[in-house]
Amino acid sequence: KVPRVGKSYGELIALGRDRMSIVL
């Protein structure tokens, strides 16, 4: 999660995409 957007991460997904992926 990202504190500045709250519990829902849906708004972090890029426009036009249905998924996001992070590898750290």
mmCIF file of all heavy atoms, coordinates in Angstrom:
data_MODEL
# 
_entry.id   MODEL 
# 
loop_
_atom_site.group_PDB 
_atom_site.id 
_atom_site.type_symbol 
_atom_site.label_atom_id 
_atom_site.label_alt_id 
_atom_site.label_comp_id 
_atom_site.label_asym_id 
_atom_site.label_entity_id 
_atom_site.label_seq_id 
_atom_site.pdbx_PDB_ins_code 
_atom_site.Cartn_x 
_atom_site.Cartn_y 
_atom_site.Cartn_z 
_atom_site.occupancy 
_atom_site.B_iso_or_equiv 
_atom_site.pdbx_formal_charge 
_atom_site.auth_seq_id 
_atom_site.auth_comp_id 
_atom_site.auth_asym_id 
_atom_site.auth_atom_id 
_atom_site.pdbx_PDB_model_num 
ATOM 1   N N   . LYS A 1 1  ? 0.859  -1.188 0.000   1.00 0.00 ? 1  LYS A N   1 
ATOM 2   C CA  . LYS A 1 1  ? 0.000  0.000  0.000   1.00 0.00 ? 1  LYS A CA  1 
ATOM 3   C C   . LYS A 1 1  ? 0.890  1.229  0.000   1.00 0.00 ? 1  LYS A C   1 
ATOM 4   O O   . LYS A 1 1  ? 2.094  1.146  0.277   1.00 0.00 ? 1  LYS A O   1 
ATOM 5   C CB  . LYS A 1 1  ? -0.936 0.013  1.196   1.00 0.00 ? 1  LYS A CB  1 
ATOM 6   C CG  . LYS A 1 1  ? -0.261 -0.011 2.534   1.00 0.00 ? 1  LYS A CG  1 
ATOM 7   C CD  . LYS A 1 1  ? -1.285 -0.090 3.648   1.00 0.00 ? 1  LYS A CD  1 
ATOM 8   C CE  . LYS A 1 1  ? -0.585 -0.216 4.991   1.00 0.00 ? 1  LYS A CE  1 
ATOM 9   N NZ  . LYS A 1 1  ? -1.528 -0.280 6.078   1.00 0.00 ? 1  LYS A NZ  1 
ATOM 10  N N   . VAL A 1 2  ? 0.293  2.342  -0.344  1.00 0.00 ? 2  VAL A N   1 
ATOM 11  C CA  . VAL A 1 2  ? 1.002  3.619  -0.361  1.00 0.00 ? 2  VAL A CA  1 
ATOM 12  C C   . VAL A 1 2  ? 0.196  4.578  0.507   1.00 0.00 ? 2  VAL A C   1 
ATOM 13  O O   . VAL A 1 2  ? -0.947 4.887  0.181   1.00 0.00 ? 2  VAL A O   1 
ATOM 14  C CB  . VAL A 1 2  ? 1.145  4.162  -1.803  1.00 0.00 ? 2  VAL A CB  1 
ATOM 15  C CG1 . VAL A 1 2  ? 1.812  5.522  -1.812  1.00 0.00 ? 2  VAL A CG1 1 
ATOM 16  C CG2 . VAL A 1 2  ? 1.921  3.170  -2.661  1.00 0.00 ? 2  VAL A CG2 1 
ATOM 17  N N   . PRO A 1 3  ? 0.771  5.033  1.618   1.00 0.00 ? 3  PRO A N   1 
ATOM 18  C CA  . PRO A 1 3  ? 0.015  5.851  2.569   1.00 0.00 ? 3  PRO A CA  1 
ATOM 19  C C   . PRO A 1 3  ? -0.697 7.062  1.961   1.00 0.00 ? 3  PRO A C   1 
ATOM 20  O O   . PRO A 1 3  ? -1.808 7.387  2.366   1.00 0.00 ? 3  PRO A O   1 
ATOM 21  C CB  . PRO A 1 3  ? 1.070  6.297  3.586   1.00 0.00 ? 3  PRO A CB  1 
ATOM 22  C CG  . PRO A 1 3  ? 2.101  5.230  3.537   1.00 0.00 ? 3  PRO A CG  1 
ATOM 23  C CD  . PRO A 1 3  ? 2.135  4.780  2.103   1.00 0.00 ? 3  PRO A CD  1 
ATOM 24  N N   . ARG A 1 4  ? -0.131 7.696  0.971   1.00 0.00 ? 4  ARG A N   1 
ATOM 25  C CA  . ARG A 1 4  ? -0.758 8.907  0.437   1.00 0.00 ? 4  ARG A CA  1 
ATOM 26  C C   . ARG A 1 4  ? -2.026 8.637  -0.364  1.00 0.00 ? 4  ARG A C   1 
ATOM 27  O O   . ARG A 1 4  ? -2.772 9.562  -0.649  1.00 0.00 ? 4  ARG A O   1 
ATOM 28  C CB  . ARG A 1 4  ? 0.240  9.734  -0.364  1.00 0.00 ? 4  ARG A CB  1 
ATOM 29  C CG  . ARG A 1 4  ? 0.642  9.170  -1.687  1.00 0.00 ? 4  ARG A CG  1 
ATOM 30  C CD  . ARG A 1 4  ? 1.658  10.102 -2.382  1.00 0.00 ? 4  ARG A CD  1 
ATOM 31  N NE  . ARG A 1 4  ? 1.996  9.607  -3.681  1.00 0.00 ? 4  ARG A NE  1 
ATOM 32  C CZ  . ARG A 1 4  ? 1.396  9.979  -4.808  1.00 0.00 ? 4  ARG A CZ  1 
ATOM 33  N NH1 . ARG A 1 4  ? 0.438  10.868 -4.767  1.00 0.00 ? 4  ARG A NH1 1 
ATOM 34  N NH2 . ARG A 1 4  ? 1.754  9.461  -5.952  1.00 0.00 ? 4  ARG A NH2 1 
ATOM 35  N N   . VAL A 1 5  ? -2.281 7.373  -0.727  1.00 0.00 ? 5  VAL A N   1 
ATOM 36  C CA  . VAL A 1 5  ? -3.513 7.062  -1.454  1.00 0.00 ? 5  VAL A CA  1 
ATOM 37  C C   . VAL A 1 5  ? -4.464 6.186  -0.639  1.00 0.00 ? 5  VAL A C   1 
ATOM 38  O O   . VAL A 1 5  ? -5.503 5.788  -1.130  1.00 0.00 ? 5  VAL A O   1 
ATOM 39  C CB  . VAL A 1 5  ? -3.237 6.393  -2.823  1.00 0.00 ? 5  VAL A CB  1 
ATOM 40  C CG1 . VAL A 1 5  ? -2.462 7.304  -3.730  1.00 0.00 ? 5  VAL A CG1 1 
ATOM 41  C CG2 . VAL A 1 5  ? -2.555 5.069  -2.663  1.00 0.00 ? 5  VAL A CG2 1 
ATOM 42  N N   . GLY A 1 6  ? -4.118 5.868  0.583   1.00 0.00 ? 6  GLY A N   1 
ATOM 43  C CA  . GLY A 1 6  ? -4.999 5.078  1.429   1.00 0.00 ? 6  GLY A CA  1 
ATOM 44  C C   . GLY A 1 6  ? -4.911 3.593  1.149   1.00 0.00 ? 6  GLY A C   1 
ATOM 45  O O   . GLY A 1 6  ? -3.917 3.093  0.634   1.00 0.00 ? 6  GLY A O   1 
ATOM 46  N N   . LYS A 1 7  ? -5.981 2.874  1.465   1.00 0.00 ? 7  LYS A N   1 
ATOM 47  C CA  . LYS A 1 7  ? -5.971 1.414  1.367   1.00 0.00 ? 7  LYS A CA  1 
ATOM 48  C C   . LYS A 1 7  ? -6.097 0.902  -0.064  1.00 0.00 ? 7  LYS A C   1 
ATOM 49  O O   . LYS A 1 7  ? -5.647 -0.178 -0.381  1.00 0.00 ? 7  LYS A O   1 
ATOM 50  C CB  . LYS A 1 7  ? -7.103 0.838  2.216   1.00 0.00 ? 7  LYS A CB  1 
ATOM 51  C CG  . LYS A 1 7  ? -6.900 1.036  3.692   1.00 0.00 ? 7  LYS A CG  1 
ATOM 52  C CD  . LYS A 1 7  ? -7.998 0.381  4.483   1.00 0.00 ? 7  LYS A CD  1 
ATOM 53  C CE  . LYS A 1 7  ? -7.762 0.583  5.965   1.00 0.00 ? 7  LYS A CE  1 
ATOM 54  N NZ  . LYS A 1 7  ? -8.731 -0.104 6.779   1.00 0.00 ? 7  LYS A NZ  1 
ATOM 55  N N   . SER A 1 8  ? -6.763 1.651  -0.927  1.00 0.00 ? 8  SER A N   1 
ATOM 56  C CA  . SER A 1 8  ? -6.966 1.191  -2.296  1.00 0.00 ? 8  SER A CA  1 
ATOM 57  C C   . SER A 1 8  ? -5.804 1.622  -3.179  1.00 0.00 ? 8  SER A C   1 
ATOM 58  O O   . SER A 1 8  ? -5.460 2.792  -3.238  1.00 0.00 ? 8  SER A O   1 
ATOM 59  C CB  . SER A 1 8  ? -8.268 1.763  -2.856  1.00 0.00 ? 8  SER A CB  1 
ATOM 60  O OG  . SER A 1 8  ? -8.390 1.438  -4.215  1.00 0.00 ? 8  SER A OG  1 
ATOM 61  N N   . TYR A 1 9  ? -5.216 0.675  -3.871  1.00 0.00 ? 9  TYR A N   1 
ATOM 62  C CA  . TYR A 1 9  ? -4.098 1.001  -4.752  1.00 0.00 ? 9  TYR A CA  1 
ATOM 63  C C   . TYR A 1 9  ? -4.553 1.146  -6.195  1.00 0.00 ? 9  TYR A C   1 
ATOM 64  O O   . TYR A 1 9  ? -3.747 1.423  -7.081  1.00 0.00 ? 9  TYR A O   1 
ATOM 65  C CB  . TYR A 1 9  ? -2.986 -0.039 -4.648  1.00 0.00 ? 9  TYR A CB  1 
ATOM 66  C CG  . TYR A 1 9  ? -3.420 -1.437 -4.984  1.00 0.00 ? 9  TYR A CG  1 
ATOM 67  C CD1 . TYR A 1 9  ? -3.613 -1.849 -6.297  1.00 0.00 ? 9  TYR A CD1 1 
ATOM 68  C CD2 . TYR A 1 9  ? -3.654 -2.363 -3.976  1.00 0.00 ? 9  TYR A CD2 1 
ATOM 69  C CE1 . TYR A 1 9  ? -4.024 -3.118 -6.596  1.00 0.00 ? 9  TYR A CE1 1 
ATOM 70  C CE2 . TYR A 1 9  ? -4.057 -3.649 -4.268  1.00 0.00 ? 9  TYR A CE2 1 
ATOM 71  C CZ  . TYR A 1 9  ? -4.238 -4.024 -5.588  1.00 0.00 ? 9  TYR A CZ  1 
ATOM 72  O OH  . TYR A 1 9  ? -4.649 -5.287 -5.879  1.00 0.00 ? 9  TYR A OH  1 
ATOM 73  N N   . GLY A 1 10 ? -5.831 0.998  -6.466  1.00 0.00 ? 10 GLY A N   1 
ATOM 74  C CA  . GLY A 1 10 ? -6.332 1.053  -7.843  1.00 0.00 ? 10 GLY A CA  1 
ATOM 75  C C   . GLY A 1 10 ? -5.968 2.317  -8.580  1.00 0.00 ? 10 GLY A C   1 
ATOM 76  O O   . GLY A 1 10 ? -5.706 2.295  -9.786  1.00 0.00 ? 10 GLY A O   1 
ATOM 77  N N   . GLU A 1 11 ? -5.930 3.435  -7.880  1.00 0.00 ? 11 GLU A N   1 
ATOM 78  C CA  . GLU A 1 11 ? -5.594 4.694  -8.558  1.00 0.00 ? 11 GLU A CA  1 
ATOM 79  C C   . GLU A 1 11 ? -4.113 4.796  -8.913  1.00 0.00 ? 11 GLU A C   1 
ATOM 80  O O   . GLU A 1 11 ? -3.719 5.690  -9.649  1.00 0.00 ? 11 GLU A O   1 
ATOM 81  C CB  . GLU A 1 11 ? -6.028 5.892  -7.728  1.00 0.00 ? 11 GLU A CB  1 
ATOM 82  C CG  . GLU A 1 11 ? -5.277 6.065  -6.427  1.00 0.00 ? 11 GLU A CG  1 
ATOM 83  C CD  . GLU A 1 11 ? -5.876 7.182  -5.581  1.00 0.00 ? 11 GLU A CD  1 
ATOM 84  O OE1 . GLU A 1 11 ? -6.912 6.951  -4.946  1.00 0.00 ? 11 GLU A OE1 1 
ATOM 85  O OE2 . GLU A 1 11 ? -5.287 8.266  -5.582  1.00 0.00 ? 11 GLU A OE2 1 
ATOM 86  N N   . LEU A 1 12 ? -3.302 3.874  -8.419  1.00 0.00 ? 12 LEU A N   1 
ATOM 87  C CA  . LEU A 1 12 ? -1.886 3.853  -8.778  1.00 0.00 ? 12 LEU A CA  1 
ATOM 88  C C   . LEU A 1 12 ? -1.632 3.122  -10.088 1.00 0.00 ? 12 LEU A C   1 
ATOM 89  O O   . LEU A 1 12 ? -0.565 3.238  -10.673 1.00 0.00 ? 12 LEU A O   1 
ATOM 90  C CB  . LEU A 1 12 ? -1.068 3.191  -7.666  1.00 0.00 ? 12 LEU A CB  1 
ATOM 91  C CG  . LEU A 1 12 ? -1.048 3.922  -6.337  1.00 0.00 ? 12 LEU A CG  1 
ATOM 92  C CD1 . LEU A 1 12 ? -0.402 3.048  -5.267  1.00 0.00 ? 12 LEU A CD1 1 
ATOM 93  C CD2 . LEU A 1 12 ? -0.342 5.247  -6.458  1.00 0.00 ? 12 LEU A CD2 1 
ATOM 94  N N   . ILE A 1 13 ? -2.625 2.362  -10.561 1.00 0.00 ? 13 ILE A N   1 
ATOM 95  C CA  . ILE A 1 13 ? -2.480 1.647  -11.825 1.00 0.00 ? 13 ILE A CA  1 
ATOM 96  C C   . ILE A 1 13 ? -2.577 2.660  -12.964 1.00 0.00 ? 13 ILE A C   1 
ATOM 97  O O   . ILE A 1 13 ? -3.474 3.496  -12.989 1.00 0.00 ? 13 ILE A O   1 
ATOM 98  C CB  . ILE A 1 13 ? -3.546 0.545  -11.960 1.00 0.00 ? 13 ILE A CB  1 
ATOM 99  C CG1 . ILE A 1 13 ? -3.378 -0.477 -10.824 1.00 0.00 ? 13 ILE A CG1 1 
ATOM 100 C CG2 . ILE A 1 13 ? -3.453 -0.127 -13.321 1.00 0.00 ? 13 ILE A CG2 1 
ATOM 101 C CD1 . ILE A 1 13 ? -4.467 -1.520 -10.764 1.00 0.00 ? 13 ILE A CD1 1 
ATOM 102 N N   . ALA A 1 14 ? -1.646 2.593  -13.889 1.00 0.00 ? 14 ALA A N   1 
ATOM 103 C CA  . ALA A 1 14 ? -1.582 3.539  -15.006 1.00 0.00 ? 14 ALA A CA  1 
ATOM 104 C C   . ALA A 1 14 ? -2.875 3.526  -15.814 1.00 0.00 ? 14 ALA A C   1 
ATOM 105 O O   . ALA A 1 14 ? -3.507 2.471  -15.978 1.00 0.00 ? 14 ALA A O   1 
ATOM 106 C CB  . ALA A 1 14 ? -0.394 3.205  -15.909 1.00 0.00 ? 14 ALA A CB  1 
ATOM 107 N N   . LEU A 1 15 ? -3.251 4.693  -16.299 1.00 0.00 ? 15 LEU A N   1 
ATOM 108 C CA  . LEU A 1 15 ? -4.435 4.797  -17.150 1.00 0.00 ? 15 LEU A CA  1 
ATOM 109 C C   . LEU A 1 15 ? -4.284 3.889  -18.357 1.00 0.00 ? 15 LEU A C   1 
ATOM 110 O O   . LEU A 1 15 ? -3.215 3.824  -18.973 1.00 0.00 ? 15 LEU A O   1 
ATOM 111 C CB  . LEU A 1 15 ? -4.631 6.239  -17.601 1.00 0.00 ? 15 LEU A CB  1 
ATOM 112 C CG  . LEU A 1 15 ? -4.987 7.238  -16.497 1.00 0.00 ? 15 LEU A CG  1 
ATOM 113 C CD1 . LEU A 1 15 ? -5.030 8.646  -17.073 1.00 0.00 ? 15 LEU A CD1 1 
ATOM 114 C CD2 . LEU A 1 15 ? -6.304 6.873  -15.849 1.00 0.00 ? 15 LEU A CD2 1 
ATOM 115 N N   . GLY A 1 16 ? -5.344 3.174  -18.689 1.00 0.00 ? 16 GLY A N   1 
ATOM 116 C CA  . GLY A 1 16 ? -5.314 2.267  -19.828 1.00 0.00 ? 16 GLY A CA  1 
ATOM 117 C C   . GLY A 1 16 ? -4.760 0.892  -19.517 1.00 0.00 ? 16 GLY A C   1 
ATOM 118 O O   . GLY A 1 16 ? -4.706 0.036  -20.390 1.00 0.00 ? 16 GLY A O   1 
ATOM 119 N N   . ARG A 1 17 ? -4.352 0.668  -18.304 1.00 0.00 ? 17 ARG A N   1 
ATOM 120 C CA  . ARG A 1 17 ? -3.826 -0.636 -17.884 1.00 0.00 ? 17 ARG A CA  1 
ATOM 121 C C   . ARG A 1 17 ? -4.752 -1.243 -16.843 1.00 0.00 ? 17 ARG A C   1 
ATOM 122 O O   . ARG A 1 17 ? -5.421 -0.535 -16.097 1.00 0.00 ? 17 ARG A O   1 
ATOM 123 C CB  . ARG A 1 17 ? -2.425 -0.509 -17.282 1.00 0.00 ? 17 ARG A CB  1 
ATOM 124 C CG  . ARG A 1 17 ? -1.398 0.057  -18.203 1.00 0.00 ? 17 ARG A CG  1 
ATOM 125 C CD  . ARG A 1 17 ? -1.088 -0.924 -19.291 1.00 0.00 ? 17 ARG A CD  1 
ATOM 126 N NE  . ARG A 1 17 ? -0.013 -0.408 -20.121 1.00 0.00 ? 17 ARG A NE  1 
ATOM 127 C CZ  . ARG A 1 17 ? 0.421  -1.002 -21.185 1.00 0.00 ? 17 ARG A CZ  1 
ATOM 128 N NH1 . ARG A 1 17 ? -0.105 -2.145 -21.559 1.00 0.00 ? 17 ARG A NH1 1 
ATOM 129 N NH2 . ARG A 1 17 ? 1.378  -0.477 -21.908 1.00 0.00 ? 17 ARG A NH2 1 
ATOM 130 N N   . ASP A 1 18 ? -4.769 -2.577 -16.764 1.00 0.00 ? 18 ASP A N   1 
ATOM 131 C CA  . ASP A 1 18 ? -5.588 -3.236 -15.750 1.00 0.00 ? 18 ASP A CA  1 
ATOM 132 C C   . ASP A 1 18 ? -4.750 -3.839 -14.632 1.00 0.00 ? 18 ASP A C   1 
ATOM 133 O O   . ASP A 1 18 ? -5.279 -4.392 -13.685 1.00 0.00 ? 18 ASP A O   1 
ATOM 134 C CB  . ASP A 1 18 ? -6.484 -4.302 -16.375 1.00 0.00 ? 18 ASP A CB  1 
ATOM 135 C CG  . ASP A 1 18 ? -5.706 -5.457 -16.992 1.00 0.00 ? 18 ASP A CG  1 
ATOM 136 O OD1 . ASP A 1 18 ? -4.481 -5.331 -17.141 1.00 0.00 ? 18 ASP A OD1 1 
ATOM 137 O OD2 . ASP A 1 18 ? -6.335 -6.476 -17.316 1.00 0.00 ? 18 ASP A OD2 1 
ATOM 138 N N   . ARG A 1 19 ? -3.409 -3.730 -14.770 1.00 0.00 ? 19 ARG A N   1 
ATOM 139 C CA  . ARG A 1 19 ? -2.534 -4.279 -13.741 1.00 0.00 ? 19 ARG A CA  1 
ATOM 140 C C   . ARG A 1 19 ? -1.257 -3.457 -13.646 1.00 0.00 ? 19 ARG A C   1 
ATOM 141 O O   . ARG A 1 19 ? -0.905 -2.724 -14.574 1.00 0.00 ? 19 ARG A O   1 
ATOM 142 C CB  . ARG A 1 19 ? -2.190 -5.744 -14.029 1.00 0.00 ? 19 ARG A CB  1 
ATOM 143 C CG  . ARG A 1 19 ? -1.339 -5.936 -15.272 1.00 0.00 ? 19 ARG A CG  1 
ATOM 144 C CD  . ARG A 1 19 ? -1.013 -7.391 -15.562 1.00 0.00 ? 19 ARG A CD  1 
ATOM 145 N NE  . ARG A 1 19 ? -0.039 -7.948 -14.673 1.00 0.00 ? 19 ARG A NE  1 
ATOM 146 C CZ  . ARG A 1 19 ? 1.277  -7.792 -14.773 1.00 0.00 ? 19 ARG A CZ  1 
ATOM 147 N NH1 . ARG A 1 19 ? 1.783  -7.022 -15.721 1.00 0.00 ? 19 ARG A NH1 1 
ATOM 148 N NH2 . ARG A 1 19 ? 2.088  -8.362 -13.932 1.00 0.00 ? 19 ARG A NH2 1 
ATOM 149 N N   . MET A 1 20 ? -0.589 -3.622 -12.505 1.00 0.00 ? 20 MET A N   1 
ATOM 150 C CA  . MET A 1 20 ? 0.727  -3.013 -12.307 1.00 0.00 ? 20 MET A CA  1 
ATOM 151 C C   . MET A 1 20 ? 1.630  -4.052 -11.679 1.00 0.00 ? 20 MET A C   1 
ATOM 152 O O   . MET A 1 20 ? 1.175  -5.009 -11.056 1.00 0.00 ? 20 MET A O   1 
ATOM 153 C CB  . MET A 1 20 ? 0.626  -1.786 -11.407 1.00 0.00 ? 20 MET A CB  1 
ATOM 154 C CG  . MET A 1 20 ? 0.182  -2.079 -10.001 1.00 0.00 ? 20 MET A CG  1 
ATOM 155 S SD  . MET A 1 20 ? 0.182  -0.557 -9.060  1.00 0.00 ? 20 MET A SD  1 
ATOM 156 C CE  . MET A 1 20 ? -0.707 -1.090 -7.607  1.00 0.00 ? 20 MET A CE  1 
ATOM 157 N N   . SER A 1 21 ? 2.925  -3.841 -11.862 1.00 0.00 ? 21 SER A N   1 
ATOM 158 C CA  . SER A 1 21 ? 3.896  -4.783 -11.345 1.00 0.00 ? 21 SER A CA  1 
ATOM 159 C C   . SER A 1 21 ? 5.134  -4.025 -10.884 1.00 0.00 ? 21 SER A C   1 
ATOM 160 O O   . SER A 1 21 ? 5.624  -3.151 -11.590 1.00 0.00 ? 21 SER A O   1 
ATOM 161 C CB  . SER A 1 21 ? 4.278  -5.768 -12.451 1.00 0.00 ? 21 SER A CB  1 
ATOM 162 O OG  . SER A 1 21 ? 5.330  -6.595 -12.044 1.00 0.00 ? 21 SER A OG  1 
ATOM 163 N N   . ILE A 1 22 ? 5.603  -4.384 -9.700  1.00 0.00 ? 22 ILE A N   1 
ATOM 164 C CA  . ILE A 1 22 ? 6.813  -3.800 -9.137  1.00 0.00 ? 22 ILE A CA  1 
ATOM 165 C C   . ILE A 1 22 ? 7.711  -4.946 -8.698  1.00 0.00 ? 22 ILE A C   1 
ATOM 166 O O   . ILE A 1 22 ? 7.263  -5.881 -8.031  1.00 0.00 ? 22 ILE A O   1 
ATOM 167 C CB  . ILE A 1 22 ? 6.508  -2.928 -7.890  1.00 0.00 ? 22 ILE A CB  1 
ATOM 168 C CG1 . ILE A 1 22 ? 5.434  -1.887 -8.173  1.00 0.00 ? 22 ILE A CG1 1 
ATOM 169 C CG2 . ILE A 1 22 ? 7.790  -2.305 -7.343  1.00 0.00 ? 22 ILE A CG2 1 
ATOM 170 C CD1 . ILE A 1 22 ? 5.823  -0.822 -9.137  1.00 0.00 ? 22 ILE A CD1 1 
ATOM 171 N N   . VAL A 1 23 ? 8.984  -4.878 -9.059  1.00 0.00 ? 23 VAL A N   1 
ATOM 172 C CA  . VAL A 1 23 ? 9.988  -5.831 -8.576  1.00 0.00 ? 23 VAL A CA  1 
ATOM 173 C C   . VAL A 1 23 ? 11.088 -5.006 -7.917  1.00 0.00 ? 23 VAL A C   1 
ATOM 174 O O   . VAL A 1 23 ? 11.645 -4.104 -8.545  1.00 0.00 ? 23 VAL A O   1 
ATOM 175 C CB  . VAL A 1 23 ? 10.574 -6.691 -9.709  1.00 0.00 ? 23 VAL A CB  1 
ATOM 176 C CG1 . VAL A 1 23 ? 11.651 -7.626 -9.176  1.00 0.00 ? 23 VAL A CG1 1 
ATOM 177 C CG2 . VAL A 1 23 ? 9.472  -7.476 -10.414 1.00 0.00 ? 23 VAL A CG2 1 
ATOM 178 N N   . LEU A 1 24 ? 11.357 -5.313 -6.661  1.00 0.00 ? 24 LEU A N   1 
ATOM 179 C CA  . LEU A 1 24 ? 12.376 -4.588 -5.905  1.00 0.00 ? 24 LEU A CA  1 
ATOM 180 C C   . LEU A 1 24 ? 13.370 -5.580 -5.327  1.00 0.00 ? 24 LEU A C   1 
ATOM 181 O O   . LEU A 1 24 ? 12.991 -6.512 -4.625  1.00 0.00 ? 24 LEU A O   1 
ATOM 182 C CB  . LEU A 1 24 ? 11.736 -3.796 -4.760  1.00 0.00 ? 24 LEU A CB  1 
ATOM 183 C CG  . LEU A 1 24 ? 12.695 -3.091 -3.805  1.00 0.00 ? 24 LEU A CG  1 
ATOM 184 C CD1 . LEU A 1 24 ? 13.450 -1.971 -4.510  1.00 0.00 ? 24 LEU A CD1 1 
ATOM 185 C CD2 . LEU A 1 24 ? 11.940 -2.560 -2.590  1.00 0.00 ? 24 LEU A CD2 1 
# 
